Amino acid sequence: MILAKKLIAGAVLSLAALAAAAAPVTYTFDTLHSRVTFYINHFGFSNSVGEFKVGDGTFTFDNDDWSKSKVTAKIPVQSLELGDVKWNTHVLSADFLESAKYPEITFVSTKVEKVDATHGRLYGDLTVHGVTKPVVLDLTVNRVGEHPMRKTQAAGFTATVTVKRSEFGVVAYVPAVADDVVIRIEIESYVPPKA
């Protein structure tokens, strides 16, 4: 009888540990190793490249059940870098992003869908220039595991999407400067150490 109770208790503890291991994990963005890069065709001659830094945000990721995952992210518009001070100023002006009026780009997920072991789709609401639109990003899970430097759980993702800037009210020079904006997001994240 005592042996049976011990076996049952052991099984319960094992199941509890398994459930805890499978629970969603909340990560914080590593802003030094995370970027939003975008590409936009410039008069048909080149695909100009720019980037934003990733600001505040967290996400909860369940590697066993992606549908339980969630993402919220804020991108400071003033972090724009196009490689030229005058061009940065122009794009941040009222002609384009109006950064004084709309200082943040935000993304809030609505669903995460797994396609295979490392690929999925990230659905959510993207707000740019004060306009919110639903988007679907192609998602790649690069790696989930212990970070070799931080010695804590970490996760890395790549996400891509193409949006039309005119749908967000950013219409200057369309179509000479393309309407389509190709976006690539690189995220490295970690579980903050316990205080």
C-alpha atoms as a PDB file:
ATOM      1  CA  MET A   1       0.000   0.000   0.000  1.00  0.00           C
ATOM      2  CA  ILE A   2       2.801   2.431   0.927  1.00  0.00           C
ATOM      3  CA  LEU A   3       4.677   1.456  -2.237  1.00  0.00           C
ATOM      4  CA  ALA A   4       1.561   2.108  -4.343  1.00  0.00           C
ATOM      5  CA  LYS A   5       1.119   5.537  -2.774  1.00  0.00           C
ATOM      6  CA  LYS A   6       4.766   6.374  -3.473  1.00  0.00           C
ATOM      7  CA  LEU A   7       4.409   5.259  -7.096  1.00  0.00           C
ATOM      8  CA  ILE A   8       1.261   7.352  -7.540  1.00  0.00           C
ATOM      9  CA  ALA A   9       2.893  10.372  -5.901  1.00  0.00           C
ATOM     10  CA  GLY A  10       5.935   9.943  -8.136  1.00  0.00           C
ATOM     11  CA  ALA A  11       3.752   9.724 -11.229  1.00  0.00           C
ATOM     12  CA  VAL A  12       1.822  12.851 -10.222  1.00  0.00           C
ATOM     13  CA  LEU A  13       5.055  14.771  -9.636  1.00  0.00           C
ATOM     14  CA  SER A  14       6.424  13.593 -12.992  1.00  0.00           C
ATOM     15  CA  LEU A  15       3.264  14.723 -14.784  1.00  0.00           C
ATOM     16  CA  ALA A  16       3.373  18.080 -12.992  1.00  0.00           C
ATOM     17  CA  ALA A  17       7.004  18.547 -14.015  1.00  0.00           C
ATOM     18  CA  LEU A  18       6.130  17.604 -17.595  1.00  0.00           C
ATOM     19  CA  ALA A  19       3.251  20.092 -17.628  1.00  0.00           C
ATOM     20  CA  ALA A  20       5.509  22.821 -16.224  1.00  0.00           C
ATOM     21  CA  ALA A  21       8.153  22.102 -18.870  1.00  0.00           C
ATOM     22  CA  ALA A  22       5.561  22.336 -21.611  1.00  0.00           C
ATOM     23  CA  ALA A  23       4.106  25.611 -20.337  1.00  0.00           C
ATOM     24  CA  PRO A  24       4.543  28.755 -22.447  1.00  0.00           C
ATOM     25  CA  VAL A  25       7.746  30.670 -21.701  1.00  0.00           C
ATOM     26  CA  THR A  26       7.825  34.483 -21.576  1.00  0.00           C
ATOM     27  CA  TYR A  27      10.820  36.111 -23.256  1.00  0.00           C
ATOM     28  CA  THR A  28      12.203  39.655 -23.364  1.00  0.00           C
ATOM     29  CA  PHE A  29      13.680  41.098 -26.549  1.00  0.00           C
ATOM     30  CA  ASP A  30      17.442  41.461 -26.738  1.00  0.00           C
ATOM     31  CA  THR A  31      17.320  44.891 -28.360  1.00  0.00           C
ATOM     32  CA  LEU A  32      21.024  44.827 -29.296  1.00  0.00           C
ATOM     33  CA  HIS A  33      20.544  41.749 -31.456  1.00  0.00           C
ATOM     34  CA  SER A  34      17.079  42.459 -32.823  1.00  0.00           C
ATOM     35  CA  ARG A  35      16.245  44.629 -35.836  1.00  0.00           C
ATOM     36  CA  VAL A  36      13.483  45.424 -38.292  1.00  0.00           C
ATOM     37  CA  THR A  37      14.943  45.812 -41.780  1.00  0.00           C
ATOM     38  CA  PHE A  38      12.907  46.983 -44.754  1.00  0.00           C
ATOM     39  CA  TYR A  39      13.429  47.198 -48.497  1.00  0.00           C
ATOM     40  CA  ILE A  40      11.655  49.567 -50.887  1.00  0.00           C
ATOM     41  CA  ASN A  41      12.203  50.025 -54.599  1.00  0.00           C
ATOM     42  CA  HIS A  42      13.570  53.484 -55.448  1.00  0.00           C
ATOM     43  CA  PHE A  43      12.501  54.704 -58.915  1.00  0.00           C
ATOM     44  CA  GLY A  44      13.166  51.220 -60.316  1.00  0.00           C
ATOM     45  CA  PHE A  45      16.923  51.617 -59.921  1.00  0.00           C
ATOM     46  CA  SER A  46      17.547  50.014 -56.535  1.00  0.00           C
ATOM     47  CA  ASN A  47      15.936  48.498 -53.499  1.00  0.00           C
ATOM     48  CA  SER A  48      16.774  50.970 -50.759  1.00  0.00           C
ATOM     49  CA  VAL A  49      17.407  49.468 -47.340  1.00  0.00           C
ATOM     50  CA  GLY A  50      16.490  50.906 -43.962  1.00  0.00           C
ATOM     51  CA  GLU A  51      16.110  49.650 -40.442  1.00  0.00           C
ATOM     52  CA  PHE A  52      14.482  50.306 -37.109  1.00  0.00           C
ATOM     53  CA  LYS A  53      15.571  49.195 -33.679  1.00  0.00           C
ATOM     54  CA  VAL A  54      13.232  46.964 -31.717  1.00  0.00           C
ATOM     55  CA  GLY A  55      11.982  48.670 -28.568  1.00  0.00           C
ATOM     56  CA  ASP A  56       9.814  47.410 -25.734  1.00  0.00           C
ATOM     57  CA  GLY A  57       7.986  44.158 -26.035  1.00  0.00           C
ATOM     58  CA  THR A  58       7.675  40.611 -24.867  1.00  0.00           C
ATOM     59  CA  PHE A  59       6.382  37.413 -26.227  1.00  0.00           C
ATOM     60  CA  THR A  60       5.241  34.140 -24.835  1.00  0.00           C
ATOM     61  CA  PHE A  61       6.280  31.118 -26.850  1.00  0.00           C
ATOM     62  CA  ASP A  62       5.202  27.524 -26.372  1.00  0.00           C
ATOM     63  CA  ASN A  63       7.512  25.327 -28.429  1.00  0.00           C
ATOM     64  CA  ASP A  64       5.133  22.368 -28.026  1.00  0.00           C
ATOM     65  CA  ASP A  65       1.947  24.237 -28.871  1.00  0.00           C
ATOM     66  CA  TRP A  66       2.571  27.363 -30.944  1.00  0.00           C
ATOM     67  CA  SER A  67      -1.105  28.322 -30.760  1.00  0.00           C
ATOM     68  CA  LYS A  68      -0.527  29.335 -27.116  1.00  0.00           C
ATOM     69  CA  SER A  69       2.121  31.877 -28.132  1.00  0.00           C
ATOM     70  CA  LYS A  70       1.653  35.672 -28.129  1.00  0.00           C
ATOM     71  CA  VAL A  71       3.712  38.665 -29.251  1.00  0.00           C
ATOM     72  CA  THR A  72       3.574  42.385 -28.553  1.00  0.00           C
ATOM     73  CA  ALA A  73       6.232  44.729 -29.900  1.00  0.00           C
ATOM     74  CA  LYS A  74       6.925  48.449 -30.069  1.00  0.00           C
ATOM     75  CA  ILE A  75       9.306  50.007 -32.569  1.00  0.00           C
ATOM     76  CA  PRO A  76      10.474  53.585 -31.947  1.00  0.00           C
ATOM     77  CA  VAL A  77      10.065  55.420 -35.254  1.00  0.00           C
ATOM     78  CA  GLN A  78      12.898  57.825 -34.386  1.00  0.00           C
ATOM     79  CA  SER A  79      15.307  54.860 -34.479  1.00  0.00           C
ATOM     80  CA  LEU A  80      15.029  54.877 -38.293  1.00  0.00           C
ATOM     81  CA  GLU A  81      18.375  54.532 -40.061  1.00  0.00           C
ATOM     82  CA  LEU A  82      18.687  54.912 -43.834  1.00  0.00           C
ATOM     83  CA  GLY A  83      22.396  55.695 -43.919  1.00  0.00           C
ATOM     84  CA  ASP A  84      21.985  59.430 -44.492  1.00  0.00           C
ATOM     85  CA  VAL A  85      20.945  62.128 -42.006  1.00  0.00           C
ATOM     86  CA  LYS A  86      18.977  64.205 -44.539  1.00  0.00           C
ATOM     87  CA  TRP A  87      17.102  61.184 -45.855  1.00  0.00           C
ATOM     88  CA  ASN A  88      16.335  60.063 -42.280  1.00  0.00           C
ATOM     89  CA  THR A  89      14.920  63.517 -41.507  1.00  0.00           C
ATOM     90  CA  HIS A  90      12.824  63.544 -44.680  1.00  0.00           C
ATOM     91  CA  VAL A  91      11.277  60.111 -44.048  1.00  0.00           C
ATOM     92  CA  LEU A  92      10.552  61.038 -40.413  1.00  0.00           C
ATOM     93  CA  SER A  93       8.821  64.245 -41.544  1.00  0.00           C
ATOM     94  CA  ALA A  94       5.148  64.845 -42.358  1.00  0.00           C
ATOM     95  CA  ASP A  95       5.851  63.709 -45.941  1.00  0.00           C
ATOM     96  CA  PHE A  96       6.166  60.123 -44.762  1.00  0.00           C
ATOM     97  CA  LEU A  97       6.073  58.733 -41.194  1.00  0.00           C
ATOM     98  CA  GLU A  98       5.246  61.902 -39.175  1.00  0.00           C
ATOM     99  CA  SER A  99       7.297  60.623 -36.245  1.00  0.00           C
ATOM    100  CA  ALA A 100       6.426  63.604 -34.030  1.00  0.00           C
ATOM    101  CA  LYS A 101       2.740  62.660 -34.271  1.00  0.00           C
ATOM    102  CA  TYR A 102       3.162  58.870 -34.493  1.00  0.00           C
ATOM    103  CA  PRO A 103       6.270  57.977 -32.472  1.00  0.00           C
ATOM    104  CA  GLU A 104       5.735  54.201 -32.417  1.00  0.00           C
ATOM    105  CA  ILE A 105       5.030  51.330 -34.750  1.00  0.00           C
ATOM    106  CA  THR A 106       3.296  48.519 -32.881  1.00  0.00           C
ATOM    107  CA  PHE A 107       2.475  44.894 -33.511  1.00  0.00           C
ATOM    108  CA  VAL A 108       0.067  42.776 -31.453  1.00  0.00           C
ATOM    109  CA  SER A 109      -0.389  39.137 -32.399  1.00  0.00           C
ATOM    110  CA  THR A 110      -3.788  37.517 -32.751  1.00  0.00           C
ATOM    111  CA  LYS A 111      -2.742  33.960 -33.670  1.00  0.00           C
ATOM    112  CA  VAL A 112       0.358  31.818 -34.184  1.00  0.00           C
ATOM    113  CA  GLU A 113       0.037  28.871 -36.542  1.00  0.00           C
ATOM    114  CA  LYS A 114       2.609  26.075 -36.884  1.00  0.00           C
ATOM    115  CA  VAL A 115       3.384  24.764 -40.369  1.00  0.00           C
ATOM    116  CA  ASP A 116       6.289  22.422 -39.610  1.00  0.00           C
ATOM    117  CA  ALA A 117       9.013  21.989 -36.973  1.00  0.00           C
ATOM    118  CA  THR A 118      10.593  25.408 -37.597  1.00  0.00           C
ATOM    119  CA  HIS A 119       8.105  27.376 -39.724  1.00  0.00           C
ATOM    120  CA  GLY A 120       4.771  29.001 -39.099  1.00  0.00           C
ATOM    121  CA  ARG A 121       2.560  32.017 -39.629  1.00  0.00           C
ATOM    122  CA  LEU A 122       2.235  34.913 -37.233  1.00  0.00           C
ATOM    123  CA  TYR A 123      -1.076  36.774 -37.499  1.00  0.00           C
ATOM    124  CA  GLY A 124      -1.562  40.162 -35.890  1.00  0.00           C
ATOM    125  CA  ASP A 125      -2.426  43.831 -36.020  1.00  0.00           C
ATOM    126  CA  LEU A 126       0.256  46.201 -37.299  1.00  0.00           C
ATOM    127  CA  THR A 127      -0.093  49.905 -36.518  1.00  0.00           C
ATOM    128  CA  VAL A 128       1.924  52.356 -38.621  1.00  0.00           C
ATOM    129  CA  HIS A 129       1.271  56.082 -38.995  1.00  0.00           C
ATOM    130  CA  GLY A 130      -1.783  55.778 -36.736  1.00  0.00           C
ATOM    131  CA  VAL A 131      -3.436  53.154 -38.981  1.00  0.00           C
ATOM    132  CA  THR A 132      -3.980  49.552 -37.866  1.00  0.00           C
ATOM    133  CA  LYS A 133      -4.173  46.697 -40.386  1.00  0.00           C
ATOM    134  CA  PRO A 134      -4.138  42.915 -40.051  1.00  0.00           C
ATOM    135  CA  VAL A 135      -0.989  41.230 -41.395  1.00  0.00           C
ATOM    136  CA  VAL A 136       0.332  37.679 -41.695  1.00  0.00           C
ATOM    137  CA  LEU A 137       4.071  37.160 -41.261  1.00  0.00           C
ATOM    138  CA  ASP A 138       6.010  34.101 -42.373  1.00  0.00           C
ATOM    139  CA  LEU A 139       7.756  32.901 -39.222  1.00  0.00           C
ATOM    140  CA  THR A 140      10.948  30.870 -38.806  1.00  0.00           C
ATOM    141  CA  VAL A 141      12.073  29.637 -35.405  1.00  0.00           C
ATOM    142  CA  ASN A 142      15.860  29.804 -35.624  1.00  0.00           C
ATOM    143  CA  ARG A 143      16.733  28.291 -32.263  1.00  0.00           C
ATOM    144  CA  VAL A 144      15.284  27.693 -28.808  1.00  0.00           C
ATOM    145  CA  GLY A 145      17.611  26.678 -25.977  1.00  0.00           C
ATOM    146  CA  GLU A 146      20.169  27.886 -23.484  1.00  0.00           C
ATOM    147  CA  HIS A 147      22.059  31.000 -24.579  1.00  0.00           C
ATOM    148  CA  PRO A 148      25.828  30.293 -24.389  1.00  0.00           C
ATOM    149  CA  MET A 149      26.635  33.759 -22.993  1.00  0.00           C
ATOM    150  CA  ARG A 150      23.603  34.579 -20.870  1.00  0.00           C
ATOM    151  CA  LYS A 151      23.227  31.024 -19.502  1.00  0.00           C
ATOM    152  CA  THR A 152      19.465  31.385 -19.602  1.00  0.00           C
ATOM    153  CA  GLN A 153      16.702  30.150 -21.904  1.00  0.00           C
ATOM    154  CA  ALA A 154      16.744  32.010 -25.223  1.00  0.00           C
ATOM    155  CA  ALA A 155      14.852  31.982 -28.506  1.00  0.00           C
ATOM    156  CA  GLY A 156      15.546  33.455 -31.927  1.00  0.00           C
ATOM    157  CA  PHE A 157      13.094  34.154 -34.738  1.00  0.00           C
ATOM    158  CA  THR A 158      12.981  35.548 -38.258  1.00  0.00           C
ATOM    159  CA  ALA A 159       9.718  36.930 -39.647  1.00  0.00           C
ATOM    160  CA  THR A 160       8.975  38.409 -43.070  1.00  0.00           C
ATOM    161  CA  VAL A 161       6.023  40.220 -44.600  1.00  0.00           C
ATOM    162  CA  THR A 162       5.275  42.612 -47.465  1.00  0.00           C
ATOM    163  CA  VAL A 163       2.894  45.513 -46.817  1.00  0.00           C
ATOM    164  CA  LYS A 164       1.581  48.381 -48.923  1.00  0.00           C
ATOM    165  CA  ARG A 165       2.543  51.677 -47.317  1.00  0.00           C
ATOM    166  CA  SER A 166      -0.416  53.423 -48.949  1.00  0.00           C
ATOM    167  CA  GLU A 167      -2.746  51.305 -46.792  1.00  0.00           C
ATOM    168  CA  PHE A 168      -1.186  53.013 -43.771  1.00  0.00           C
ATOM    169  CA  GLY A 169      -1.574  56.501 -45.224  1.00  0.00           C
ATOM    170  CA  VAL A 170       2.079  56.865 -46.293  1.00  0.00           C
ATOM    171  CA  VAL A 171       1.611  57.774 -49.946  1.00  0.00           C
ATOM    172  CA  ALA A 172       4.384  60.218 -50.920  1.00  0.00           C
ATOM    173  CA  TYR A 173       5.945  59.481 -54.327  1.00  0.00           C
ATOM    174  CA  VAL A 174       3.917  56.320 -54.988  1.00  0.00           C
ATOM    175  CA  PRO A 175       4.438  54.626 -57.433  1.00  0.00           C
ATOM    176  CA  ALA A 176       7.879  56.052 -58.335  1.00  0.00           C
ATOM    177  CA  VAL A 177       9.021  55.026 -54.872  1.00  0.00           C
ATOM    178  CA  ALA A 178       7.307  51.667 -54.504  1.00  0.00           C
ATOM    179  CA  ASP A 179       4.127  51.083 -52.569  1.00  0.00           C
ATOM    180  CA  ASP A 180       5.277  47.601 -51.510  1.00  0.00           C
ATOM    181  CA  VAL A 181       7.596  47.501 -48.511  1.00  0.00           C
ATOM    182  CA  VAL A 182       9.373  44.205 -47.834  1.00  0.00           C
ATOM    183  CA  ILE A 183       9.987  43.774 -44.108  1.00  0.00           C
ATOM    184  CA  ARG A 184      12.370  41.338 -42.393  1.00  0.00           C
ATOM    185  CA  ILE A 185      12.374  41.070 -38.609  1.00  0.00           C
ATOM    186  CA  GLU A 186      15.207  39.433 -36.667  1.00  0.00           C
ATOM    187  CA  ILE A 187      14.500  38.757 -33.012  1.00  0.00           C
ATOM    188  CA  GLU A 188      16.834  37.387 -30.350  1.00  0.00           C
ATOM    189  CA  SER A 189      15.250  37.063 -26.945  1.00  0.00           C
ATOM    190  CA  TYR A 190      15.857  35.604 -23.525  1.00  0.00           C
ATOM    191  CA  VAL A 191      14.215  34.743 -20.238  1.00  0.00           C
ATOM    192  CA  PRO A 192      15.277  37.404 -17.726  1.00  0.00           C
ATOM    193  CA  PRO A 193      17.183  35.979 -14.745  1.00  0.00           C
ATOM    194  CA  LYS A 194      15.241  35.776 -11.519  1.00  0.00           C
ATOM    195  CA  ALA A 195      16.010  38.620  -9.099  1.00  0.00           C
END
